Amino acid sequence: MKTLVVNLDKCTGCRLCELACSYRHFKLMNPKKSRIRVVRLPHEPSDMPIYCLQCGLCIEACPVKAISRNPKTGAVEVDIDKCVGCGFCVHVCPYGAASLDPETGKALICDLCGGDPECVKACQEGALLYLEADRAAEYKRMLFSRLGRRELAPLAPEER
């Protein structure tokens, strides 16, 4: 089973991943319809792609059972026809990766593009990787250790 990971040292904040995602799913270049979001940290010289870690908390939270796990890819998938746009998935997502489509109000959650993520292909710096679980765990441990050292301390977003 493969998983999506990020090498923070390589992300330049170009946001091509956002455009590739929105184009793959909607044939539009619209970052607000992307299932991956790049956050620029004002207090640090780094950018952080935020994406679904496929934890599945949203699956149990969905009152209409519109969210399920694809047995082949392991990805969380939303049945748009069943989704009522209640936002419970957004509420329970601990990473801020789930969002609602600004036009339809339906859930936007990464489905790993059926096992061939467009964001990975669009990332010219190689910051986004789609790796087997054991290799991906190395990147996850590095990211978590940086959090532990407070290199990536969470802050409230500034008002714009």
N, C-alpha and C. Protein backbone atom coordinates (compact mmCIF):
# COMPACT_ATOMS: atom_id res chain seq x y z
N MET A 1 0.85 -1.18 0.00
CA MET A 1 0.00 0.00 0.00
C MET A 1 0.89 1.24 0.00
N LYS A 2 0.53 2.20 -0.81
CA LYS A 2 1.30 3.43 -0.92
C LYS A 2 0.62 4.56 -0.17
N THR A 3 1.43 5.56 0.16
CA THR A 3 0.90 6.73 0.86
C THR A 3 1.62 7.99 0.37
N LEU A 4 0.95 9.11 0.51
CA LEU A 4 1.48 10.41 0.09
C LEU A 4 2.26 11.01 1.26
N VAL A 5 3.46 11.51 0.97
CA VAL A 5 4.28 12.17 1.99
C VAL A 5 4.92 13.41 1.40
N VAL A 6 5.43 14.25 2.29
CA VAL A 6 6.09 15.49 1.85
C VAL A 6 7.49 15.57 2.42
N ASN A 7 8.40 16.07 1.59
CA ASN A 7 9.75 16.41 2.04
C ASN A 7 9.75 17.93 2.13
N LEU A 8 9.59 18.45 3.34
CA LEU A 8 9.45 19.89 3.54
C LEU A 8 10.65 20.69 3.05
N ASP A 9 11.80 20.09 3.08
CA ASP A 9 12.99 20.82 2.67
C ASP A 9 12.99 21.13 1.18
N LYS A 10 12.13 20.46 0.43
CA LYS A 10 12.10 20.68 -1.02
C LYS A 10 10.93 21.53 -1.50
N CYS A 11 9.91 21.75 -0.66
CA CYS A 11 8.74 22.52 -1.10
C CYS A 11 9.10 23.99 -1.25
N THR A 12 8.81 24.55 -2.43
CA THR A 12 9.09 25.95 -2.71
C THR A 12 7.84 26.83 -2.61
N GLY A 13 6.70 26.20 -2.40
CA GLY A 13 5.46 26.97 -2.33
C GLY A 13 4.91 27.39 -3.67
N CYS A 14 5.31 26.71 -4.72
CA CYS A 14 4.87 27.09 -6.08
C CYS A 14 3.38 26.86 -6.30
N ARG A 15 2.79 25.95 -5.57
CA ARG A 15 1.36 25.63 -5.63
C ARG A 15 0.92 24.91 -6.90
N LEU A 16 1.86 24.36 -7.64
CA LEU A 16 1.48 23.57 -8.81
C LEU A 16 0.66 22.36 -8.41
N CYS A 17 0.91 21.83 -7.22
CA CYS A 17 0.14 20.69 -6.72
C CYS A 17 -1.35 21.03 -6.61
N GLU A 18 -1.64 22.25 -6.14
CA GLU A 18 -3.04 22.68 -6.02
C GLU A 18 -3.70 22.76 -7.39
N LEU A 19 -2.99 23.32 -8.34
CA LEU A 19 -3.55 23.46 -9.69
C LEU A 19 -3.74 22.10 -10.35
N ALA A 20 -2.77 21.22 -10.19
CA ALA A 20 -2.88 19.88 -10.79
C ALA A 20 -4.07 19.13 -10.21
N CYS A 21 -4.28 19.26 -8.92
CA CYS A 21 -5.40 18.59 -8.26
C CYS A 21 -6.74 19.12 -8.76
N SER A 22 -6.89 20.43 -8.75
CA SER A 22 -8.18 20.99 -9.18
C SER A 22 -8.45 20.67 -10.64
N TYR A 23 -7.40 20.67 -11.46
CA TYR A 23 -7.60 20.34 -12.87
C TYR A 23 -7.98 18.87 -13.05
N ARG A 24 -7.34 17.99 -12.30
CA ARG A 24 -7.64 16.55 -12.40
C ARG A 24 -9.10 16.26 -12.07
N HIS A 25 -9.61 16.93 -11.04
CA HIS A 25 -10.96 16.63 -10.58
C HIS A 25 -12.06 17.50 -11.20
N PHE A 26 -11.72 18.73 -11.61
CA PHE A 26 -12.75 19.64 -12.09
C PHE A 26 -12.46 20.26 -13.45
N LYS A 27 -11.28 19.95 -14.02
CA LYS A 27 -10.85 20.56 -15.29
C LYS A 27 -10.81 22.08 -15.17
N LEU A 28 -10.47 22.56 -13.97
CA LEU A 28 -10.32 23.99 -13.68
C LEU A 28 -9.02 24.20 -12.93
N MET A 29 -8.38 25.31 -13.17
CA MET A 29 -7.20 25.70 -12.39
C MET A 29 -7.69 26.62 -11.27
N ASN A 30 -8.16 26.01 -10.19
CA ASN A 30 -8.75 26.77 -9.08
C ASN A 30 -8.29 26.18 -7.75
N PRO A 31 -7.33 26.81 -7.09
CA PRO A 31 -6.82 26.27 -5.83
C PRO A 31 -7.89 26.07 -4.76
N LYS A 32 -8.99 26.81 -4.81
CA LYS A 32 -10.05 26.65 -3.82
C LYS A 32 -10.81 25.34 -4.00
N LYS A 33 -10.63 24.70 -5.16
CA LYS A 33 -11.27 23.41 -5.41
C LYS A 33 -10.26 22.26 -5.31
N SER A 34 -9.07 22.58 -4.84
CA SER A 34 -8.02 21.59 -4.69
C SER A 34 -8.20 20.81 -3.39
N ARG A 35 -7.75 19.57 -3.40
CA ARG A 35 -7.80 18.72 -2.22
C ARG A 35 -6.48 18.72 -1.47
N ILE A 36 -5.54 19.49 -1.97
CA ILE A 36 -4.27 19.72 -1.29
C ILE A 36 -4.10 21.23 -1.21
N ARG A 37 -3.65 21.73 -0.08
CA ARG A 37 -3.47 23.17 0.10
C ARG A 37 -2.07 23.44 0.60
N VAL A 38 -1.45 24.46 0.05
CA VAL A 38 -0.13 24.86 0.51
C VAL A 38 -0.30 26.02 1.45
N VAL A 39 0.24 25.86 2.65
CA VAL A 39 0.17 26.90 3.66
C VAL A 39 1.55 27.54 3.78
N ARG A 40 1.56 28.85 3.66
CA ARG A 40 2.81 29.60 3.84
C ARG A 40 2.83 30.10 5.27
N LEU A 41 3.86 29.71 5.99
CA LEU A 41 3.99 30.11 7.39
C LEU A 41 4.67 31.48 7.45
N PRO A 42 3.97 32.49 7.99
CA PRO A 42 4.54 33.84 7.99
C PRO A 42 5.77 33.99 8.88
N HIS A 43 5.91 33.14 9.88
CA HIS A 43 7.02 33.25 10.82
C HIS A 43 8.21 32.37 10.45
N GLU A 44 8.10 31.64 9.34
CA GLU A 44 9.17 30.74 8.93
C GLU A 44 9.35 30.80 7.41
N PRO A 45 10.54 30.55 6.96
CA PRO A 45 10.77 30.56 5.50
C PRO A 45 10.43 29.20 4.89
N SER A 46 9.23 28.71 5.16
CA SER A 46 8.87 27.41 4.61
C SER A 46 7.40 27.36 4.25
N ASP A 47 7.09 26.47 3.34
CA ASP A 47 5.73 26.23 2.91
C ASP A 47 5.39 24.80 3.25
N MET A 48 4.12 24.54 3.53
CA MET A 48 3.72 23.20 3.96
C MET A 48 2.49 22.76 3.18
N PRO A 49 2.63 21.75 2.33
CA PRO A 49 1.44 21.19 1.70
C PRO A 49 0.61 20.43 2.74
N ILE A 50 -0.66 20.75 2.82
CA ILE A 50 -1.59 20.08 3.72
C ILE A 50 -2.47 19.18 2.87
N TYR A 51 -2.49 17.90 3.21
CA TYR A 51 -3.25 16.93 2.44
C TYR A 51 -3.80 15.88 3.38
N CYS A 52 -4.76 15.12 2.90
CA CYS A 52 -5.38 14.07 3.71
C CYS A 52 -4.38 12.96 3.99
N LEU A 53 -4.23 12.61 5.26
CA LEU A 53 -3.35 11.51 5.65
C LEU A 53 -4.07 10.17 5.65
N GLN A 54 -5.31 10.17 5.16
CA GLN A 54 -6.10 8.95 4.99
C GLN A 54 -6.38 8.25 6.32
N CYS A 55 -6.55 9.02 7.40
CA CYS A 55 -6.78 8.42 8.71
C CYS A 55 -8.17 7.81 8.83
N GLY A 56 -9.14 8.36 8.09
CA GLY A 56 -10.48 7.79 8.08
C GLY A 56 -11.43 8.31 9.14
N LEU A 57 -11.05 9.30 9.92
CA LEU A 57 -11.97 9.85 10.92
C LEU A 57 -13.25 10.37 10.27
N CYS A 58 -13.13 10.88 9.08
CA CYS A 58 -14.28 11.42 8.37
C CYS A 58 -15.28 10.33 7.97
N ILE A 59 -14.80 9.13 7.77
CA ILE A 59 -15.67 8.02 7.37
C ILE A 59 -16.73 7.78 8.45
N GLU A 60 -16.28 7.70 9.69
CA GLU A 60 -17.21 7.46 10.80
C GLU A 60 -18.07 8.68 11.10
N ALA A 61 -17.56 9.88 10.82
CA ALA A 61 -18.29 11.10 11.14
C ALA A 61 -19.42 11.39 10.16
N CYS A 62 -19.34 10.86 8.96
CA CYS A 62 -20.34 11.18 7.94
C CYS A 62 -21.69 10.55 8.27
N PRO A 63 -22.70 11.38 8.51
CA PRO A 63 -24.00 10.84 8.91
C PRO A 63 -24.77 10.15 7.79
N VAL A 64 -24.39 10.39 6.54
CA VAL A 64 -25.11 9.79 5.41
C VAL A 64 -24.28 8.72 4.70
N LYS A 65 -23.16 8.35 5.30
CA LYS A 65 -22.28 7.29 4.75
C LYS A 65 -21.82 7.60 3.32
N ALA A 66 -21.51 8.88 3.09
CA ALA A 66 -21.04 9.30 1.77
C ALA A 66 -19.53 9.11 1.61
N ILE A 67 -18.86 8.78 2.71
CA ILE A 67 -17.40 8.64 2.68
C ILE A 67 -17.03 7.19 2.99
N SER A 68 -16.15 6.64 2.18
CA SER A 68 -15.72 5.24 2.37
C SER A 68 -14.24 5.13 2.02
N ARG A 69 -13.68 3.95 2.25
CA ARG A 69 -12.29 3.70 1.92
C ARG A 69 -12.22 2.77 0.71
N ASN A 70 -11.43 3.14 -0.27
CA ASN A 70 -11.22 2.32 -1.45
C ASN A 70 -10.34 1.14 -1.05
N PRO A 71 -10.81 -0.09 -1.20
CA PRO A 71 -10.01 -1.24 -0.76
C PRO A 71 -8.73 -1.45 -1.57
N LYS A 72 -8.71 -0.96 -2.80
CA LYS A 72 -7.53 -1.14 -3.65
C LYS A 72 -6.42 -0.15 -3.31
N THR A 73 -6.78 1.13 -3.18
CA THR A 73 -5.78 2.17 -2.94
C THR A 73 -5.65 2.55 -1.48
N GLY A 74 -6.65 2.22 -0.67
CA GLY A 74 -6.66 2.63 0.73
C GLY A 74 -7.11 4.07 0.91
N ALA A 75 -7.46 4.73 -0.18
CA ALA A 75 -7.83 6.14 -0.12
C ALA A 75 -9.25 6.35 0.38
N VAL A 76 -9.43 7.46 1.05
CA VAL A 76 -10.75 7.89 1.47
C VAL A 76 -11.43 8.49 0.24
N GLU A 77 -12.67 8.09 -0.02
CA GLU A 77 -13.39 8.59 -1.19
C GLU A 77 -14.75 9.10 -0.80
N VAL A 78 -15.18 10.17 -1.45
CA VAL A 78 -16.48 10.78 -1.20
C VAL A 78 -17.42 10.48 -2.36
N ASP A 79 -18.60 9.96 -2.03
CA ASP A 79 -19.65 9.77 -3.03
C ASP A 79 -20.43 11.08 -3.09
N ILE A 80 -20.13 11.87 -4.09
CA ILE A 80 -20.71 13.22 -4.21
C ILE A 80 -22.24 13.17 -4.27
N ASP A 81 -22.79 12.11 -4.85
CA ASP A 81 -24.25 12.00 -4.93
C ASP A 81 -24.89 11.81 -3.56
N LYS A 82 -24.17 11.21 -2.63
CA LYS A 82 -24.69 11.01 -1.28
C LYS A 82 -24.38 12.18 -0.34
N CYS A 83 -23.29 12.89 -0.61
CA CYS A 83 -22.84 13.97 0.28
C CYS A 83 -23.89 15.08 0.35
N VAL A 84 -24.21 15.49 1.57
CA VAL A 84 -25.19 16.56 1.79
C VAL A 84 -24.52 17.87 2.19
N GLY A 85 -23.19 17.87 2.28
CA GLY A 85 -22.46 19.09 2.59
C GLY A 85 -22.59 19.55 4.03
N CYS A 86 -22.79 18.62 4.95
CA CYS A 86 -22.99 18.97 6.36
C CYS A 86 -21.72 19.51 7.01
N GLY A 87 -20.55 19.13 6.50
CA GLY A 87 -19.29 19.62 7.03
C GLY A 87 -18.74 18.86 8.22
N PHE A 88 -19.37 17.75 8.60
CA PHE A 88 -18.85 16.97 9.73
C PHE A 88 -17.42 16.48 9.44
N CYS A 89 -17.16 16.14 8.19
CA CYS A 89 -15.82 15.67 7.82
C CYS A 89 -14.78 16.77 8.03
N VAL A 90 -15.15 17.99 7.71
CA VAL A 90 -14.26 19.13 7.92
C VAL A 90 -14.02 19.32 9.41
N HIS A 91 -15.07 19.19 10.17
CA HIS A 91 -14.99 19.38 11.63
C HIS A 91 -14.06 18.37 12.29
N VAL A 92 -14.13 17.11 11.89
CA VAL A 92 -13.32 16.08 12.57
C VAL A 92 -11.90 15.95 12.02
N CYS A 93 -11.60 16.53 10.89
CA CYS A 93 -10.26 16.39 10.31
C CYS A 93 -9.24 17.14 11.16
N PRO A 94 -8.32 16.40 11.79
CA PRO A 94 -7.35 17.06 12.67
C PRO A 94 -6.27 17.84 11.92
N TYR A 95 -6.20 17.69 10.62
CA TYR A 95 -5.14 18.32 9.83
C TYR A 95 -5.62 19.50 9.00
N GLY A 96 -6.93 19.73 8.96
CA GLY A 96 -7.47 20.79 8.12
C GLY A 96 -7.41 20.42 6.65
N ALA A 97 -7.34 19.13 6.37
CA ALA A 97 -7.21 18.68 4.98
C ALA A 97 -8.55 18.57 4.27
N ALA A 98 -9.61 18.30 5.00
CA ALA A 98 -10.95 18.20 4.40
C ALA A 98 -11.52 19.62 4.27
N SER A 99 -12.20 19.86 3.18
CA SER A 99 -12.84 21.16 2.97
C SER A 99 -14.12 20.95 2.19
N LEU A 100 -14.86 22.03 2.01
CA LEU A 100 -16.09 21.97 1.22
C LEU A 100 -15.90 22.76 -0.06
N ASP A 101 -16.39 22.22 -1.15
CA ASP A 101 -16.33 22.88 -2.44
C ASP A 101 -17.03 24.24 -2.32
N PRO A 102 -16.37 25.32 -2.72
CA PRO A 102 -16.97 26.65 -2.58
C PRO A 102 -18.22 26.85 -3.44
N GLU A 103 -18.41 26.04 -4.45
CA GLU A 103 -19.58 26.18 -5.31
C GLU A 103 -20.71 25.22 -4.93
N THR A 104 -20.37 23.95 -4.70
CA THR A 104 -21.41 22.94 -4.45
C THR A 104 -21.65 22.69 -2.96
N GLY A 105 -20.67 23.04 -2.13
CA GLY A 105 -20.79 22.76 -0.70
C GLY A 105 -20.52 21.31 -0.35
N LYS A 106 -20.10 20.51 -1.31
CA LYS A 106 -19.82 19.09 -1.09
C LYS A 106 -18.38 18.90 -0.60
N ALA A 107 -18.13 17.78 0.05
CA ALA A 107 -16.83 17.50 0.64
C ALA A 107 -15.73 17.33 -0.41
N LEU A 108 -14.57 17.91 -0.11
CA LEU A 108 -13.37 17.74 -0.91
C LEU A 108 -12.33 17.07 -0.02
N ILE A 109 -12.04 15.80 -0.31
CA ILE A 109 -11.07 15.02 0.44
C ILE A 109 -10.21 14.27 -0.57
N CYS A 110 -8.91 14.26 -0.35
CA CYS A 110 -8.00 13.61 -1.29
C CYS A 110 -8.34 12.14 -1.47
N ASP A 111 -8.45 11.74 -2.73
CA ASP A 111 -8.72 10.33 -3.06
C ASP A 111 -7.50 9.68 -3.72
N LEU A 112 -6.36 10.34 -3.61
CA LEU A 112 -5.09 9.86 -4.19
C LEU A 112 -5.19 9.64 -5.70
N CYS A 113 -6.16 10.28 -6.33
CA CYS A 113 -6.35 10.19 -7.78
C CYS A 113 -6.38 8.73 -8.25
N GLY A 114 -7.04 7.91 -7.47
CA GLY A 114 -7.15 6.49 -7.84
C GLY A 114 -5.85 5.73 -7.76
N GLY A 115 -4.87 6.26 -7.03
CA GLY A 115 -3.59 5.57 -6.89
C GLY A 115 -2.48 6.16 -7.75
N ASP A 116 -2.74 7.29 -8.40
CA ASP A 116 -1.74 7.95 -9.25
C ASP A 116 -1.86 9.47 -9.04
N PRO A 117 -1.45 9.97 -7.87
CA PRO A 117 -1.69 11.37 -7.50
C PRO A 117 -1.08 12.39 -8.47
N GLU A 118 -1.93 13.25 -8.99
CA GLU A 118 -1.49 14.30 -9.91
C GLU A 118 -0.56 15.29 -9.22
N CYS A 119 -0.77 15.54 -7.94
CA CYS A 119 0.08 16.50 -7.23
C CYS A 119 1.53 16.05 -7.23
N VAL A 120 1.75 14.76 -7.10
CA VAL A 120 3.11 14.21 -7.09
C VAL A 120 3.76 14.42 -8.45
N LYS A 121 2.99 14.16 -9.51
CA LYS A 121 3.52 14.32 -10.86
C LYS A 121 3.82 15.79 -11.19
N ALA A 122 3.03 16.70 -10.61
CA ALA A 122 3.20 18.13 -10.89
C ALA A 122 4.32 18.76 -10.08
N CYS A 123 4.73 18.13 -9.01
CA CYS A 123 5.74 18.70 -8.12
C CYS A 123 7.12 18.59 -8.74
N GLN A 124 7.59 19.70 -9.30
CA GLN A 124 8.87 19.70 -10.01
C GLN A 124 10.07 19.59 -9.08
N GLU A 125 9.88 19.91 -7.81
CA GLU A 125 10.98 19.86 -6.85
C GLU A 125 11.11 18.49 -6.18
N GLY A 126 10.10 17.63 -6.38
CA GLY A 126 10.14 16.32 -5.73
C GLY A 126 9.80 16.39 -4.25
N ALA A 127 9.07 17.42 -3.84
CA ALA A 127 8.68 17.56 -2.43
C ALA A 127 7.55 16.60 -2.07
N LEU A 128 6.68 16.30 -3.02
CA LEU A 128 5.59 15.37 -2.79
C LEU A 128 5.97 14.02 -3.37
N LEU A 129 5.79 13.00 -2.55
CA LEU A 129 6.17 11.64 -2.95
C LEU A 129 5.03 10.68 -2.65
N TYR A 130 4.89 9.66 -3.47
CA TYR A 130 3.90 8.61 -3.27
C TYR A 130 4.68 7.31 -3.11
N LEU A 131 4.81 6.87 -1.86
CA LEU A 131 5.74 5.79 -1.53
C LEU A 131 5.06 4.63 -0.83
N GLU A 132 5.72 3.49 -0.88
CA GLU A 132 5.27 2.34 -0.10
C GLU A 132 5.32 2.74 1.38
N ALA A 133 4.43 2.13 2.16
CA ALA A 133 4.24 2.53 3.56
C ALA A 133 5.52 2.52 4.38
N ASP A 134 6.37 1.52 4.22
CA ASP A 134 7.58 1.46 5.04
C ASP A 134 8.53 2.61 4.74
N ARG A 135 8.68 2.97 3.47
CA ARG A 135 9.53 4.11 3.07
C ARG A 135 8.89 5.42 3.49
N ALA A 136 7.58 5.52 3.35
CA ALA A 136 6.86 6.74 3.72
C ALA A 136 6.98 7.01 5.22
N ALA A 137 7.06 5.96 6.01
CA ALA A 137 7.17 6.11 7.46
C ALA A 137 8.42 6.89 7.84
N GLU A 138 9.48 6.74 7.07
CA GLU A 138 10.71 7.50 7.35
C GLU A 138 10.46 9.00 7.23
N TYR A 139 9.74 9.41 6.20
CA TYR A 139 9.42 10.83 6.02
C TYR A 139 8.48 11.32 7.12
N LYS A 140 7.53 10.49 7.49
CA LYS A 140 6.60 10.87 8.56
C LYS A 140 7.33 11.06 9.88
N ARG A 141 8.27 10.19 10.17
CA ARG A 141 9.05 10.33 11.41
C ARG A 141 9.87 11.62 11.40
N MET A 142 10.44 11.96 10.27
CA MET A 142 11.20 13.21 10.16
C MET A 142 10.30 14.42 10.41
N LEU A 143 9.12 14.41 9.80
CA LEU A 143 8.19 15.52 9.99
C LEU A 143 7.75 15.62 11.44
N PHE A 144 7.43 14.49 12.04
CA PHE A 144 6.99 14.49 13.44
C PHE A 144 8.11 14.96 14.36
N SER A 145 9.34 14.58 14.08
CA SER A 145 10.46 15.02 14.93
C SER A 145 10.64 16.53 14.84
N ARG A 146 10.37 17.10 13.67
CA ARG A 146 10.46 18.56 13.53
C ARG A 146 9.37 19.24 14.35
N LEU A 147 8.21 18.64 14.40
CA LEU A 147 7.14 19.19 15.24
C LEU A 147 7.56 19.15 16.71
N GLY A 148 8.19 18.05 17.09
CA GLY A 148 8.64 17.89 18.47
C GLY A 148 9.68 18.92 18.87
N ARG A 149 10.48 19.36 17.92
CA ARG A 149 11.48 20.39 18.18
C ARG A 149 10.89 21.78 18.01
N ARG A 150 9.61 21.83 17.73
CA ARG A 150 8.88 23.09 17.54
C ARG A 150 9.36 23.88 16.33
N GLU A 151 9.96 23.19 15.39
CA GLU A 151 10.31 23.88 14.15
C GLU A 151 9.06 24.24 13.37
N LEU A 152 8.00 23.50 13.61
CA LEU A 152 6.74 23.75 12.91
C LEU A 152 5.63 23.96 13.93
N ALA A 153 5.83 24.85 14.86
CA ALA A 153 4.85 25.09 15.91
C ALA A 153 3.56 25.65 15.33
N PRO A 154 2.40 25.08 15.69
CA PRO A 154 1.13 25.57 15.16
C PRO A 154 0.79 26.95 15.72
N LEU A 155 0.33 27.81 14.87
CA LEU A 155 -0.14 29.14 15.23
C LEU A 155 -1.51 29.36 14.64
N ALA A 156 -2.27 30.25 15.24
CA ALA A 156 -3.57 30.61 14.67
C ALA A 156 -3.33 31.41 13.39
N PRO A 157 -4.16 31.19 12.37
CA PRO A 157 -3.97 31.95 11.12
C PRO A 157 -4.24 33.44 11.35
N GLU A 158 -3.47 34.24 10.69
CA GLU A 158 -3.68 35.68 10.78
C GLU A 158 -4.87 36.07 9.94
N GLU A 159 -5.59 37.09 10.38
CA GLU A 159 -6.73 37.57 9.59
C GLU A 159 -6.20 38.31 8.38
N ARG A 160 -6.89 38.12 7.28
CA ARG A 160 -6.44 38.77 6.03
C ARG A 160 -7.35 39.91 5.67
